[in-house]
Amino acid sequence: MQRTVEMAVEDLRERGLHLQVKSVDDKEDDRLAVDAARELADDPSVIAVLGHKNSGPSKAAAPVYAGAGLAQITQCSTDNSLSRSGWKTFFRMCATNERQAEVAAAFAHARLPGARTLAVHDGTAYGRPLVEAFARRLESLSDNPVRVMAMRVGQEDFSEIVDEIKTVGAEIVDLGATEIESSKLMKAIGSAGLRPLVISSEGGPDNPIVRLTGAAGEGSVHTYAGFDPMATSESLKLVARCRAAFGETPSYVVECYDAVMVIAGALDRGASNRAEVRDAIAATDLQGLSGRIRFDAGGDRIDAPVSLWTIYAGKMVPLSEAVRP
């Protein structure tokens, strides 16, 4: 993601807009995210922040940015509460948990109406709200209860969850967790000889869940709270550039690139300090690689795209491209 941001900044230099990237590492830790945010906020040369990646660090750092009047544009933090906490400096390029969950629930209901469903989260600020939103939405569509269970980050023994899948005869298992925990549970489900429809939130090109799950991931369906970078000729050019430069397509590659262009757009319209940059970002109406970019009063992207993917023949592909019997 950082290298994609640097690529976008280099493209801007060729257009005559000279920016620099200052990188800090929150190590996916809420406490360290606050330290990183303070470092950025205390540097007067920093006019906007692109990040954080994870919802927990974004939530921990957001008050620091708000206090400093420093615009924060996250490429992929999906927690609904981020845009509902009153931070005028917060903006989001991706879809929220609720929007992503609505797409997943609608798909589940259409594919297997009335199916017995188990939803499992990893207890994080990312996974839990996502699963809870999915359960609420599917229950409203089907009038059937959705059993919600929790696992934890770093868990290795999934026998309790596997036993529950057997007990309830779950035909759908929805996962809200990182690629690592999701892949471990998917392997445990496969090893038990169970074949429910697994739905997770780890879609998108080159997602590591494909290699992490191996054969156990085949046929699973994954939402992606971002634009399908394989969808247009312009986004495909960016994918090709990334694969040539990095060897893979970073998750939310288009959102990373477009976020830089949102910041550049603010500067192009004359913004010269943090307050003006924040106000200009709030008024954004830009056609990016991921489509039209506008933000509502809470900083959420209006009509944020969500795409559906599946693992087919050992590759993550858009669901529409998968060949089904």
C-alpha atoms as a PDB file:
ATOM      1  CA  MET A   1       0.000   0.000   0.000  1.00  0.00           C
ATOM      2  CA  GLN A   2       2.779   2.421   0.887  1.00  0.00           C
ATOM      3  CA  ARG A   3       4.507   1.761  -2.424  1.00  0.00           C
ATOM      4  CA  THR A   4       1.250   2.444  -4.278  1.00  0.00           C
ATOM      5  CA  VAL A   5       0.961   5.774  -2.468  1.00  0.00           C
ATOM      6  CA  GLU A   6       4.552   6.579  -3.437  1.00  0.00           C
ATOM      7  CA  MET A   7       3.743   5.648  -7.039  1.00  0.00           C
ATOM      8  CA  ALA A   8       0.826   8.083  -7.040  1.00  0.00           C
ATOM      9  CA  VAL A   9       3.014  10.833  -5.579  1.00  0.00           C
ATOM     10  CA  GLU A  10       5.602  10.212  -8.298  1.00  0.00           C
ATOM     11  CA  ASP A  11       2.858  10.533 -10.923  1.00  0.00           C
ATOM     12  CA  LEU A  12       1.899  13.884  -9.396  1.00  0.00           C
ATOM     13  CA  ARG A  13       5.498  15.089  -9.588  1.00  0.00           C
ATOM     14  CA  GLU A  14       5.403  14.479 -13.314  1.00  0.00           C
ATOM     15  CA  ARG A  15       2.350  16.764 -13.394  1.00  0.00           C
ATOM     16  CA  GLY A  16       4.201  19.451 -11.462  1.00  0.00           C
ATOM     17  CA  LEU A  17       2.763  18.893  -7.974  1.00  0.00           C
ATOM     18  CA  HIS A  18       5.589  18.070  -5.589  1.00  0.00           C
ATOM     19  CA  LEU A  19       4.626  16.130  -2.478  1.00  0.00           C
ATOM     20  CA  GLN A  20       6.621  13.914  -0.175  1.00  0.00           C
ATOM     21  CA  VAL A  21       5.528  10.824   1.738  1.00  0.00           C
ATOM     22  CA  LYS A  22       6.319  10.527   5.428  1.00  0.00           C
ATOM     23  CA  SER A  23       5.667   6.986   6.617  1.00  0.00           C
ATOM     24  CA  VAL A  24       4.991   5.832  10.167  1.00  0.00           C
ATOM     25  CA  ASP A  25       4.209   2.316  11.379  1.00  0.00           C
ATOM     26  CA  ASP A  26       1.409   1.586  13.859  1.00  0.00           C
ATOM     27  CA  LYS A  27       2.240  -2.163  13.807  1.00  0.00           C
ATOM     28  CA  GLU A  28      -1.531  -2.810  13.860  1.00  0.00           C
ATOM     29  CA  ASP A  29      -1.517  -1.729  17.523  1.00  0.00           C
ATOM     30  CA  ASP A  30      -3.958   0.859  18.885  1.00  0.00           C
ATOM     31  CA  ARG A  31      -1.481   2.308  21.390  1.00  0.00           C
ATOM     32  CA  LEU A  32       1.269   2.638  18.795  1.00  0.00           C
ATOM     33  CA  ALA A  33      -1.246   4.192  16.414  1.00  0.00           C
ATOM     34  CA  VAL A  34      -1.707   7.065  18.878  1.00  0.00           C
ATOM     35  CA  ASP A  35       2.064   7.583  19.022  1.00  0.00           C
ATOM     36  CA  ALA A  36       2.257   7.555  15.222  1.00  0.00           C
ATOM     37  CA  ALA A  37      -0.615  10.029  14.972  1.00  0.00           C
ATOM     38  CA  ARG A  38       1.066  12.399  17.412  1.00  0.00           C
ATOM     39  CA  GLU A  39       4.278  12.256  15.404  1.00  0.00           C
ATOM     40  CA  LEU A  40       2.390  13.236  12.268  1.00  0.00           C
ATOM     41  CA  ALA A  41       0.249  15.853  13.992  1.00  0.00           C
ATOM     42  CA  ASP A  42       3.330  17.505  15.501  1.00  0.00           C
ATOM     43  CA  ASP A  43       5.003  17.841  12.098  1.00  0.00           C
ATOM     44  CA  PRO A  44       3.789  21.076  10.468  1.00  0.00           C
ATOM     45  CA  SER A  45       4.810  19.851   7.021  1.00  0.00           C
ATOM     46  CA  VAL A  46       2.162  17.083   7.156  1.00  0.00           C
ATOM     47  CA  ILE A  47      -0.981  18.373   5.461  1.00  0.00           C
ATOM     48  CA  ALA A  48      -3.035  15.133   5.334  1.00  0.00           C
ATOM     49  CA  VAL A  49      -2.820  11.506   6.465  1.00  0.00           C
ATOM     50  CA  LEU A  50      -3.572   8.441   4.364  1.00  0.00           C
ATOM     51  CA  GLY A  51      -4.484   5.639   6.773  1.00  0.00           C
ATOM     52  CA  HIS A  52      -4.729   3.852   9.001  1.00  0.00           C
ATOM     53  CA  LYS A  53      -5.186   0.437   7.442  1.00  0.00           C
ATOM     54  CA  ASN A  54      -6.978  -1.242  10.361  1.00  0.00           C
ATOM     55  CA  SER A  55     -10.119  -0.009  12.098  1.00  0.00           C
ATOM     56  CA  GLY A  56      -8.726  -0.227  15.645  1.00  0.00           C
ATOM     57  CA  PRO A  57      -5.683   1.961  14.950  1.00  0.00           C
ATOM     58  CA  SER A  58      -7.814   4.349  12.875  1.00  0.00           C
ATOM     59  CA  LYS A  59     -10.202   4.757  15.792  1.00  0.00           C
ATOM     60  CA  ALA A  60      -7.383   5.243  18.297  1.00  0.00           C
ATOM     61  CA  ALA A  61      -5.613   7.829  16.143  1.00  0.00           C
ATOM     62  CA  ALA A  62      -8.634   9.779  14.896  1.00  0.00           C
ATOM     63  CA  PRO A  63      -9.021  12.026  18.000  1.00  0.00           C
ATOM     64  CA  VAL A  64      -5.379  13.083  17.632  1.00  0.00           C
ATOM     65  CA  TYR A  65      -5.936  14.122  14.029  1.00  0.00           C
ATOM     66  CA  ALA A  66      -9.190  15.845  14.931  1.00  0.00           C
ATOM     67  CA  GLY A  67      -7.432  17.845  17.638  1.00  0.00           C
ATOM     68  CA  ALA A  68      -4.760  18.915  15.180  1.00  0.00           C
ATOM     69  CA  GLY A  69      -7.237  19.700  12.385  1.00  0.00           C
ATOM     70  CA  LEU A  70      -5.408  17.162  10.221  1.00  0.00           C
ATOM     71  CA  ALA A  71      -7.458  15.364   7.568  1.00  0.00           C
ATOM     72  CA  GLN A  72      -7.318  11.568   7.770  1.00  0.00           C
ATOM     73  CA  ILE A  73      -8.310   9.482   4.744  1.00  0.00           C
ATOM     74  CA  THR A  74      -8.443   5.760   5.452  1.00  0.00           C
ATOM     75  CA  GLN A  75      -8.250   3.443   2.493  1.00  0.00           C
ATOM     76  CA  CYS A  76      -9.823   0.398   4.147  1.00  0.00           C
ATOM     77  CA  SER A  77     -10.906   0.846   7.788  1.00  0.00           C
ATOM     78  CA  THR A  78     -14.509  -0.369   7.697  1.00  0.00           C
ATOM     79  CA  ASP A  79     -15.784   0.109  11.276  1.00  0.00           C
ATOM     80  CA  ASN A  80     -19.101   1.995  11.101  1.00  0.00           C
ATOM     81  CA  SER A  81     -18.401   3.994  14.254  1.00  0.00           C
ATOM     82  CA  LEU A  82     -15.464   5.817  12.681  1.00  0.00           C
ATOM     83  CA  SER A  83     -17.760   8.099  10.714  1.00  0.00           C
ATOM     84  CA  ARG A  84     -20.228   8.498  13.574  1.00  0.00           C
ATOM     85  CA  SER A  85     -17.936   9.862  16.251  1.00  0.00           C
ATOM     86  CA  GLY A  86     -18.041  13.507  15.252  1.00  0.00           C
ATOM     87  CA  TRP A  87     -14.507  13.782  13.870  1.00  0.00           C
ATOM     88  CA  LYS A  88     -14.701  16.366  11.101  1.00  0.00           C
ATOM     89  CA  THR A  89     -11.241  15.333   9.919  1.00  0.00           C
ATOM     90  CA  PHE A  90     -12.200  11.709   9.180  1.00  0.00           C
ATOM     91  CA  PHE A  91     -12.795  10.448   5.620  1.00  0.00           C
ATOM     92  CA  ARG A  92     -13.146   6.924   4.251  1.00  0.00           C
ATOM     93  CA  MET A  93     -12.520   5.614   0.737  1.00  0.00           C
ATOM     94  CA  CYS A  94     -13.953   2.124   1.269  1.00  0.00           C
ATOM     95  CA  ALA A  95     -17.382   0.837   2.228  1.00  0.00           C
ATOM     96  CA  THR A  96     -18.460   0.492   5.860  1.00  0.00           C
ATOM     97  CA  ASN A  97     -19.084  -2.781   7.655  1.00  0.00           C
ATOM     98  CA  GLU A  98     -22.825  -2.242   7.315  1.00  0.00           C
ATOM     99  CA  ARG A  99     -22.686  -1.703   3.564  1.00  0.00           C
ATOM    100  CA  GLN A 100     -20.361  -4.671   3.080  1.00  0.00           C
ATOM    101  CA  ALA A 101     -22.532  -6.845   5.346  1.00  0.00           C
ATOM    102  CA  GLU A 102     -25.676  -5.910   3.432  1.00  0.00           C
ATOM    103  CA  VAL A 103     -24.084  -7.138   0.200  1.00  0.00           C
ATOM    104  CA  ALA A 104     -22.927 -10.377   1.858  1.00  0.00           C
ATOM    105  CA  ALA A 105     -26.296 -11.020   3.481  1.00  0.00           C
ATOM    106  CA  ALA A 106     -28.208 -10.338   0.268  1.00  0.00           C
ATOM    107  CA  PHE A 107     -25.942 -12.764  -1.574  1.00  0.00           C
ATOM    108  CA  ALA A 108     -26.344 -15.443   1.117  1.00  0.00           C
ATOM    109  CA  HIS A 109     -30.115 -15.077   1.113  1.00  0.00           C
ATOM    110  CA  ALA A 110     -30.297 -15.258  -2.678  1.00  0.00           C
ATOM    111  CA  ARG A 111     -27.954 -18.244  -2.953  1.00  0.00           C
ATOM    112  CA  LEU A 112     -29.412 -20.287  -0.054  1.00  0.00           C
ATOM    113  CA  PRO A 113     -32.703 -18.779   1.150  1.00  0.00           C
ATOM    114  CA  GLY A 114     -33.655 -19.978   4.613  1.00  0.00           C
ATOM    115  CA  ALA A 115     -30.269 -21.637   5.208  1.00  0.00           C
ATOM    116  CA  ARG A 116     -29.073 -22.349   8.746  1.00  0.00           C
ATOM    117  CA  THR A 117     -26.284 -19.858   9.349  1.00  0.00           C
ATOM    118  CA  LEU A 118     -23.416 -19.476  11.807  1.00  0.00           C
ATOM    119  CA  ALA A 119     -21.397 -16.239  11.954  1.00  0.00           C
ATOM    120  CA  VAL A 120     -17.962 -16.095  13.589  1.00  0.00           C
ATOM    121  CA  HIS A 121     -15.849 -13.047  14.441  1.00  0.00           C
ATOM    122  CA  ASP A 122     -12.366 -12.606  15.891  1.00  0.00           C
ATOM    123  CA  GLY A 123     -13.329 -10.109  18.609  1.00  0.00           C
ATOM    124  CA  THR A 124     -11.584  -7.187  16.922  1.00  0.00           C
ATOM    125  CA  ALA A 125     -12.938  -3.760  16.016  1.00  0.00           C
ATOM    126  CA  TYR A 126     -12.862  -5.026  12.443  1.00  0.00           C
ATOM    127  CA  GLY A 127     -14.377  -8.487  12.688  1.00  0.00           C
ATOM    128  CA  ARG A 128     -17.032  -8.217  15.353  1.00  0.00           C
ATOM    129  CA  PRO A 129     -19.054  -5.282  13.944  1.00  0.00           C
ATOM    130  CA  LEU A 130     -18.862  -6.819  10.481  1.00  0.00           C
ATOM    131  CA  VAL A 131     -20.307 -10.150  11.619  1.00  0.00           C
ATOM    132  CA  GLU A 132     -22.943  -8.539  13.809  1.00  0.00           C
ATOM    133  CA  ALA A 133     -24.088  -6.368  10.908  1.00  0.00           C
ATOM    134  CA  PHE A 134     -24.249  -9.431   8.644  1.00  0.00           C
ATOM    135  CA  ALA A 135     -26.308 -11.346  11.210  1.00  0.00           C
ATOM    136  CA  ARG A 136     -28.782  -8.484  11.667  1.00  0.00           C
ATOM    137  CA  ARG A 137     -29.235  -8.037   7.949  1.00  0.00           C
ATOM    138  CA  LEU A 138     -29.644 -11.731   7.145  1.00  0.00           C
ATOM    139  CA  GLU A 139     -32.126 -12.170   9.980  1.00  0.00           C
ATOM    140  CA  SER A 140     -34.186  -9.302   8.597  1.00  0.00           C
ATOM    141  CA  LEU A 141     -34.170 -10.865   5.134  1.00  0.00           C
ATOM    142  CA  SER A 142     -34.877 -14.451   6.138  1.00  0.00           C
ATOM    143  CA  ASP A 143     -36.695 -14.228   9.495  1.00  0.00           C
ATOM    144  CA  ASN A 144     -34.315 -16.965  10.655  1.00  0.00           C
ATOM    145  CA  PRO A 145     -31.954 -16.526  13.637  1.00  0.00           C
ATOM    146  CA  VAL A 146     -28.217 -16.347  12.948  1.00  0.00           C
ATOM    147  CA  ARG A 147     -25.988 -17.852  15.626  1.00  0.00           C
ATOM    148  CA  VAL A 148     -22.972 -15.629  16.403  1.00  0.00           C
ATOM    149  CA  MET A 149     -19.780 -17.023  17.924  1.00  0.00           C
ATOM    150  CA  ALA A 150     -16.388 -15.545  18.775  1.00  0.00           C
ATOM    151  CA  MET A 151     -12.860 -16.737  18.294  1.00  0.00           C
ATOM    152  CA  ARG A 152      -9.708 -14.840  19.156  1.00  0.00           C
ATOM    153  CA  VAL A 153      -6.654 -13.622  17.320  1.00  0.00           C
ATOM    154  CA  GLY A 154      -3.965 -16.291  17.526  1.00  0.00           C
ATOM    155  CA  GLN A 155      -6.406 -19.128  18.189  1.00  0.00           C
ATOM    156  CA  GLU A 156      -5.334 -22.571  16.997  1.00  0.00           C
ATOM    157  CA  ASP A 157      -8.030 -24.953  18.282  1.00  0.00           C
ATOM    158  CA  PHE A 158     -11.360 -24.498  16.475  1.00  0.00           C
ATOM    159  CA  SER A 159     -13.063 -27.669  17.657  1.00  0.00           C
ATOM    160  CA  GLU A 160     -15.802 -25.792  19.529  1.00  0.00           C
ATOM    161  CA  ILE A 161     -16.792 -23.860  16.399  1.00  0.00           C
ATOM    162  CA  VAL A 162     -16.585 -26.951  14.209  1.00  0.00           C
ATOM    163  CA  ASP A 163     -18.776 -28.853  16.670  1.00  0.00           C
ATOM    164  CA  GLU A 164     -21.328 -26.038  16.592  1.00  0.00           C
ATOM    165  CA  ILE A 165     -21.407 -26.128  12.788  1.00  0.00           C
ATOM    166  CA  LYS A 166     -22.198 -29.843  13.039  1.00  0.00           C
ATOM    167  CA  THR A 167     -24.764 -29.365  15.802  1.00  0.00           C
ATOM    168  CA  VAL A 168     -26.799 -26.691  14.051  1.00  0.00           C
ATOM    169  CA  GLY A 169     -26.229 -28.143  10.588  1.00  0.00           C
ATOM    170  CA  ALA A 170     -24.960 -24.796   9.359  1.00  0.00           C
ATOM    171  CA  GLU A 171     -25.203 -24.438   5.591  1.00  0.00           C
ATOM    172  CA  ILE A 172     -23.599 -20.992   5.645  1.00  0.00           C
ATOM    173  CA  VAL A 173     -20.637 -19.880   7.787  1.00  0.00           C
ATOM    174  CA  ASP A 174     -19.868 -16.160   7.732  1.00  0.00           C
ATOM    175  CA  LEU A 175     -16.433 -15.056   8.939  1.00  0.00           C
ATOM    176  CA  GLY A 176     -15.295 -11.661  10.175  1.00  0.00           C
ATOM    177  CA  ALA A 177     -11.560 -11.916  10.807  1.00  0.00           C
ATOM    178  CA  THR A 178      -8.167 -11.378   9.217  1.00  0.00           C
ATOM    179  CA  GLU A 179      -6.884 -13.679   6.494  1.00  0.00           C
ATOM    180  CA  ILE A 180      -4.874 -15.641   9.068  1.00  0.00           C
ATOM    181  CA  GLU A 181      -7.677 -16.514  11.480  1.00  0.00           C
ATOM    182  CA  SER A 182     -10.173 -17.000   8.670  1.00  0.00           C
ATOM    183  CA  SER A 183      -7.869 -19.403   6.840  1.00  0.00           C
ATOM    184  CA  LYS A 184      -7.194 -21.447   9.968  1.00  0.00           C
ATOM    185  CA  LEU A 185     -10.892 -21.880  10.639  1.00  0.00           C
ATOM    186  CA  MET A 186     -11.616 -22.705   7.011  1.00  0.00           C
ATOM    187  CA  LYS A 187      -8.977 -25.431   7.136  1.00  0.00           C
ATOM    188  CA  ALA A 188     -10.486 -26.817  10.340  1.00  0.00           C
ATOM    189  CA  ILE A 189     -13.928 -26.884   8.735  1.00  0.00           C
ATOM    190  CA  GLY A 190     -12.565 -28.692   5.684  1.00  0.00           C
ATOM    191  CA  SER A 191     -10.600 -31.183   7.792  1.00  0.00           C
ATOM    192  CA  ALA A 192     -13.824 -32.109   9.595  1.00  0.00           C
ATOM    193  CA  GLY A 193     -15.379 -33.042   6.271  1.00  0.00           C
ATOM    194  CA  LEU A 194     -17.859 -30.162   6.367  1.00  0.00           C
ATOM    195  CA  ARG A 195     -18.779 -28.229   3.243  1.00  0.00           C
ATOM    196  CA  PRO A 196     -20.856 -25.176   4.167  1.00  0.00           C
ATOM    197  CA  LEU A 197     -20.838 -22.080   1.986  1.00  0.00           C
ATOM    198  CA  VAL A 198     -18.138 -19.954   3.614  1.00  0.00           C
ATOM    199  CA  ILE A 199     -18.441 -16.194   3.243  1.00  0.00           C
ATOM    200  CA  SER A 200     -15.721 -13.842   4.440  1.00  0.00           C
ATOM    201  CA  SER A 201     -14.600 -10.267   3.949  1.00  0.00           C
ATOM    202  CA  GLU A 202     -11.203 -11.077   2.435  1.00  0.00           C
ATOM    203  CA  GLY A 203     -11.888 -10.581  -1.269  1.00  0.00           C
ATOM    204  CA  GLY A 204      -9.876  -8.719  -3.828  1.00  0.00           C
ATOM    205  CA  PRO A 205      -7.039  -9.644  -6.189  1.00  0.00           C
ATOM    206  CA  ASP A 206      -3.943 -11.406  -4.846  1.00  0.00           C
ATOM    207  CA  ASN A 207      -5.413 -11.731  -1.353  1.00  0.00           C
ATOM    208  CA  PRO A 208      -3.150 -14.022   0.706  1.00  0.00           C
ATOM    209  CA  ILE A 209      -6.122 -16.030   1.970  1.00  0.00           C
ATOM    210  CA  VAL A 210      -5.894 -18.035  -1.266  1.00  0.00           C
ATOM    211  CA  ARG A 211      -2.479 -19.464  -0.441  1.00  0.00           C
ATOM    212  CA  LEU A 212      -3.231 -19.615   3.292  1.00  0.00           C
ATOM    213  CA  THR A 213      -6.309 -21.806   2.843  1.00  0.00           C
ATOM    214  CA  GLY A 214      -5.129 -23.951  -0.031  1.00  0.00           C
ATOM    215  CA  ALA A 215      -7.764 -26.467  -1.107  1.00  0.00           C
ATOM    216  CA  ALA A 216      -9.946 -25.580   1.898  1.00  0.00           C
ATOM    217  CA  GLY A 217     -10.705 -22.188   0.373  1.00  0.00           C
ATOM    218  CA  GLU A 218     -12.044 -23.473  -2.922  1.00  0.00           C
ATOM    219  CA  GLY A 219     -15.584 -22.223  -3.559  1.00  0.00           C
ATOM    220  CA  SER A 220     -15.614 -19.753  -0.670  1.00  0.00           C
ATOM    221  CA  VAL A 221     -17.114 -16.316  -1.363  1.00  0.00           C
ATOM    222  CA  HIS A 222     -15.525 -13.081  -0.217  1.00  0.00           C
ATOM    223  CA  THR A 223     -16.761  -9.519  -0.076  1.00  0.00           C
ATOM    224  CA  TYR A 224     -14.373  -6.683  -0.806  1.00  0.00           C
ATOM    225  CA  ALA A 225     -15.264  -3.276   0.595  1.00  0.00           C
ATOM    226  CA  GLY A 226     -13.624  -1.572  -2.333  1.00  0.00           C
ATOM    227  CA  PHE A 227     -13.655  -1.110  -6.059  1.00  0.00           C
ATOM    228  CA  ASP A 228     -12.871  -4.141  -8.224  1.00  0.00           C
ATOM    229  CA  PRO A 229      -9.490  -3.101  -9.684  1.00  0.00           C
ATOM    230  CA  MET A 230      -9.991  -5.527 -12.552  1.00  0.00           C
ATOM    231  CA  ALA A 231     -13.150  -3.711 -13.678  1.00  0.00           C
ATOM    232  CA  THR A 232     -11.890  -0.945 -15.966  1.00  0.00           C
ATOM    233  CA  SER A 233      -9.054  -0.388 -18.391  1.00  0.00           C
ATOM    234  CA  GLU A 234      -7.604   2.422 -16.259  1.00  0.00           C
ATOM    235  CA  SER A 235      -7.642   0.437 -13.015  1.00  0.00           C
ATOM    236  CA  LEU A 236      -6.155  -2.549 -14.848  1.00  0.00           C
ATOM    237  CA  LYS A 237      -3.237  -0.348 -15.884  1.00  0.00           C
ATOM    238  CA  LEU A 238      -2.576   0.392 -12.210  1.00  0.00           C
ATOM    239  CA  VAL A 239      -2.779  -3.322 -11.381  1.00  0.00           C
ATOM    240  CA  ALA A 240      -0.271  -4.074 -14.142  1.00  0.00           C
ATOM    241  CA  ARG A 241       2.087  -1.382 -12.865  1.00  0.00           C
ATOM    242  CA  CYS A 242       1.905  -2.743  -9.314  1.00  0.00           C
ATOM    243  CA  ARG A 243       2.499  -6.322 -10.386  1.00  0.00           C
ATOM    244  CA  ALA A 244       5.476  -5.223 -12.449  1.00  0.00           C
ATOM    245  CA  ALA A 245       6.923  -3.135  -9.606  1.00  0.00           C
ATOM    246  CA  PHE A 246       5.936  -5.119  -6.508  1.00  0.00           C
ATOM    247  CA  GLY A 247       5.025  -8.575  -7.785  1.00  0.00           C
ATOM    248  CA  GLU A 248       1.437  -8.365  -6.530  1.00  0.00           C
ATOM    249  CA  THR A 249      -1.646  -6.182  -6.316  1.00  0.00           C
ATOM    250  CA  PRO A 250      -1.931  -4.593  -2.862  1.00  0.00           C
ATOM    251  CA  SER A 251      -5.343  -4.753  -1.218  1.00  0.00           C
ATOM    252  CA  TYR A 252      -7.309  -1.540  -1.815  1.00  0.00           C
ATOM    253  CA  VAL A 253      -4.751  -0.516  -4.404  1.00  0.00           C
ATOM    254  CA  VAL A 254      -7.199   1.761  -6.232  1.00  0.00           C
ATOM    255  CA  GLU A 255      -8.364   3.381  -2.999  1.00  0.00           C
ATOM    256  CA  CYS A 256      -4.751   4.097  -2.006  1.00  0.00           C
ATOM    257  CA  TYR A 257      -4.027   5.698  -5.357  1.00  0.00           C
ATOM    258  CA  ASP A 258      -7.280   7.660  -5.431  1.00  0.00           C
ATOM    259  CA  ALA A 259      -6.792   8.941  -1.872  1.00  0.00           C
ATOM    260  CA  VAL A 260      -3.585  10.621  -2.979  1.00  0.00           C
ATOM    261  CA  MET A 261      -5.497  12.211  -5.839  1.00  0.00           C
ATOM    262  CA  VAL A 262      -8.141  13.464  -3.406  1.00  0.00           C
ATOM    263  CA  ILE A 263      -5.410  15.229  -1.444  1.00  0.00           C
ATOM    264  CA  ALA A 264      -3.885  16.553  -4.657  1.00  0.00           C
ATOM    265  CA  GLY A 265      -7.302  17.813  -5.732  1.00  0.00           C
ATOM    266  CA  ALA A 266      -7.582  19.820  -2.527  1.00  0.00           C
ATOM    267  CA  LEU A 267      -4.224  21.439  -3.216  1.00  0.00           C
ATOM    268  CA  ASP A 268      -5.110  22.066  -6.855  1.00  0.00           C
ATOM    269  CA  ARG A 269      -8.160  23.999  -5.661  1.00  0.00           C
ATOM    270  CA  GLY A 270      -5.949  26.325  -3.636  1.00  0.00           C
ATOM    271  CA  ALA A 271      -5.880  24.748  -0.177  1.00  0.00           C
ATOM    272  CA  SER A 272      -2.661  25.748   1.575  1.00  0.00           C
ATOM    273  CA  ASN A 273      -3.045  24.759   5.236  1.00  0.00           C
ATOM    274  CA  ARG A 274      -4.595  21.913   7.204  1.00  0.00           C
ATOM    275  CA  ALA A 275      -7.957  23.572   7.698  1.00  0.00           C
ATOM    276  CA  GLU A 276      -8.285  24.433   4.010  1.00  0.00           C
ATOM    277  CA  VAL A 277      -7.190  20.948   2.979  1.00  0.00           C
ATOM    278  CA  ARG A 278      -9.788  19.386   5.284  1.00  0.00           C
ATOM    279  CA  ASP A 279     -12.546  21.632   3.935  1.00  0.00           C
ATOM    280  CA  ALA A 280     -11.521  20.962   0.320  1.00  0.00           C
ATOM    281  CA  ILE A 281     -11.501  17.198   0.887  1.00  0.00           C
ATOM    282  CA  ALA A 282     -14.974  17.419   2.418  1.00  0.00           C
ATOM    283  CA  ALA A 283     -16.163  19.123  -0.781  1.00  0.00           C
ATOM    284  CA  THR A 284     -14.503  16.585  -3.104  1.00  0.00           C
ATOM    285  CA  ASP A 285     -16.334  15.604  -6.277  1.00  0.00           C
ATOM    286  CA  LEU A 286     -13.717  13.729  -8.230  1.00  0.00           C
ATOM    287  CA  GLN A 287     -13.751  11.025 -10.877  1.00  0.00           C
ATOM    288  CA  GLY A 288     -11.077   8.624  -9.719  1.00  0.00           C
ATOM    289  CA  LEU A 289      -9.945   5.209 -10.887  1.00  0.00           C
ATOM    290  CA  SER A 290     -12.569   3.777  -8.521  1.00  0.00           C
ATOM    291  CA  GLY A 291     -15.381   5.930  -9.885  1.00  0.00           C
ATOM    292  CA  ARG A 292     -16.950   9.073  -8.531  1.00  0.00           C
ATOM    293  CA  ILE A 293     -15.588  10.166  -5.141  1.00  0.00           C
ATOM    294  CA  ARG A 294     -17.710  12.262  -2.808  1.00  0.00           C
ATOM    295  CA  PHE A 295     -18.074  12.242   0.969  1.00  0.00           C
ATOM    296  CA  ASP A 296     -21.114  12.651   3.178  1.00  0.00           C
ATOM    297  CA  ALA A 297     -21.210  14.749   6.353  1.00  0.00           C
ATOM    298  CA  GLY A 298     -19.652  11.947   8.416  1.00  0.00           C
ATOM    299  CA  GLY A 299     -16.800  11.399   5.982  1.00  0.00           C
ATOM    300  CA  ASP A 300     -18.152   8.212   4.429  1.00  0.00           C
ATOM    301  CA  ARG A 301     -17.814   7.832   0.705  1.00  0.00           C
ATOM    302  CA  ILE A 302     -21.151   8.200  -1.027  1.00  0.00           C
ATOM    303  CA  ASP A 303     -22.130   5.018  -2.898  1.00  0.00           C
ATOM    304  CA  ALA A 304     -18.909   3.289  -1.866  1.00  0.00           C
ATOM    305  CA  PRO A 305     -18.425   0.227  -4.088  1.00  0.00           C
ATOM    306  CA  VAL A 306     -18.501  -3.343  -2.765  1.00  0.00           C
ATOM    307  CA  SER A 307     -17.515  -6.306  -4.931  1.00  0.00           C
ATOM    308  CA  LEU A 308     -17.945 -10.076  -4.566  1.00  0.00           C
ATOM    309  CA  TRP A 309     -15.117 -12.550  -5.190  1.00  0.00           C
ATOM    310  CA  THR A 310     -14.627 -16.304  -4.988  1.00  0.00           C
ATOM    311  CA  ILE A 311     -11.723 -18.731  -4.894  1.00  0.00           C
ATOM    312  CA  TYR A 312     -11.955 -20.720  -8.094  1.00  0.00           C
ATOM    313  CA  ALA A 313      -9.293 -23.148  -9.358  1.00  0.00           C
ATOM    314  CA  GLY A 314      -6.866 -21.817  -6.767  1.00  0.00           C
ATOM    315  CA  LYS A 315      -7.291 -18.141  -7.672  1.00  0.00           C
ATOM    316  CA  MET A 316      -9.286 -15.250  -6.282  1.00  0.00           C
ATOM    317  CA  VAL A 317     -11.533 -14.061  -9.084  1.00  0.00           C
ATOM    318  CA  PRO A 318     -14.592 -11.809  -9.323  1.00  0.00           C
ATOM    319  CA  LEU A 319     -17.647 -13.943  -8.613  1.00  0.00           C
ATOM    320  CA  SER A 320     -19.099 -13.057 -12.003  1.00  0.00           C
ATOM    321  CA  GLU A 321     -16.092 -14.666 -13.703  1.00  0.00           C
ATOM    322  CA  ALA A 322     -16.232 -17.985 -11.840  1.00  0.00           C
ATOM    323  CA  VAL A 323     -17.471 -20.927 -13.890  1.00  0.00           C
ATOM    324  CA  ARG A 324     -20.138 -22.767 -11.962  1.00  0.00           C
ATOM    325  CA  PRO A 325     -21.748 -26.057 -12.993  1.00  0.00           C
END
